[in-house]
Amino acid sequence: MRKIRNVLSLFDGVACGKIALERAGIKFDNYYASEIDPVCVAIAEKNHPDLISLGDVKNWKEWNLKDIDLIIGGSPCQGFASQGHQLNFNDPRSKLFFTMVKIIWDYQPAYYMLENVGMRKEWSDIITDYMGVEPVILDSSLVSAQRRKRLYWANCCLLYTSDAADEGLGVDLGGRRII
């Protein structure tokens, strides 16, 4: 992976993407975060004073960012989650996925990654068509106490180090696993 100048995190929450990049040893110059929940923004800004808050993803055309090398995000999942009404892209929150796609197309980053919940194949197929890559299924128990299957679409290799039991995911590369 080449040097990352600027990271753009969409639907950022409390800057977990920043933490993950730092823990993975991926260096970057600036971390731009788009988030609308005021509690999440306050926590992220308190814990990461160097974070650059952008506000609502719907206002992305006003950002005028330069040299974005990596875009990451987990677009709202309510329309896809099995526990919800399963409105898929008819849910206005889940429809924000298309905003993320427009941002990726506009900024043309070298790398991008989208995370979302396990969902019906016909919905993930639509996302796959837009993202241009097949998803990888990971269990969030690899990095948290929760056991939930998550889908990751990324145009680069996903690497992680894990002491967790081998669940048949990825290929061992001498202590690192490539997904």
Foldseek 3Di string as FASTA:
>chain_A
DDQFAEEEEECQQQPVVVVVCVVVVRDYNAYEYEHADPVSVVNNCVVPVRHHYDYHLVPVVPPPDPRGAEYEYEQDAQLFDPPHPVVQCVPVRNVCLVSVLVVCVVHVHNKYKYKYFDGDPVSQVVVCVSLVFHWDWDFCVQPDVHGGIMTMGMPDWDKDAGPDPDPPPADDDPRMGTD
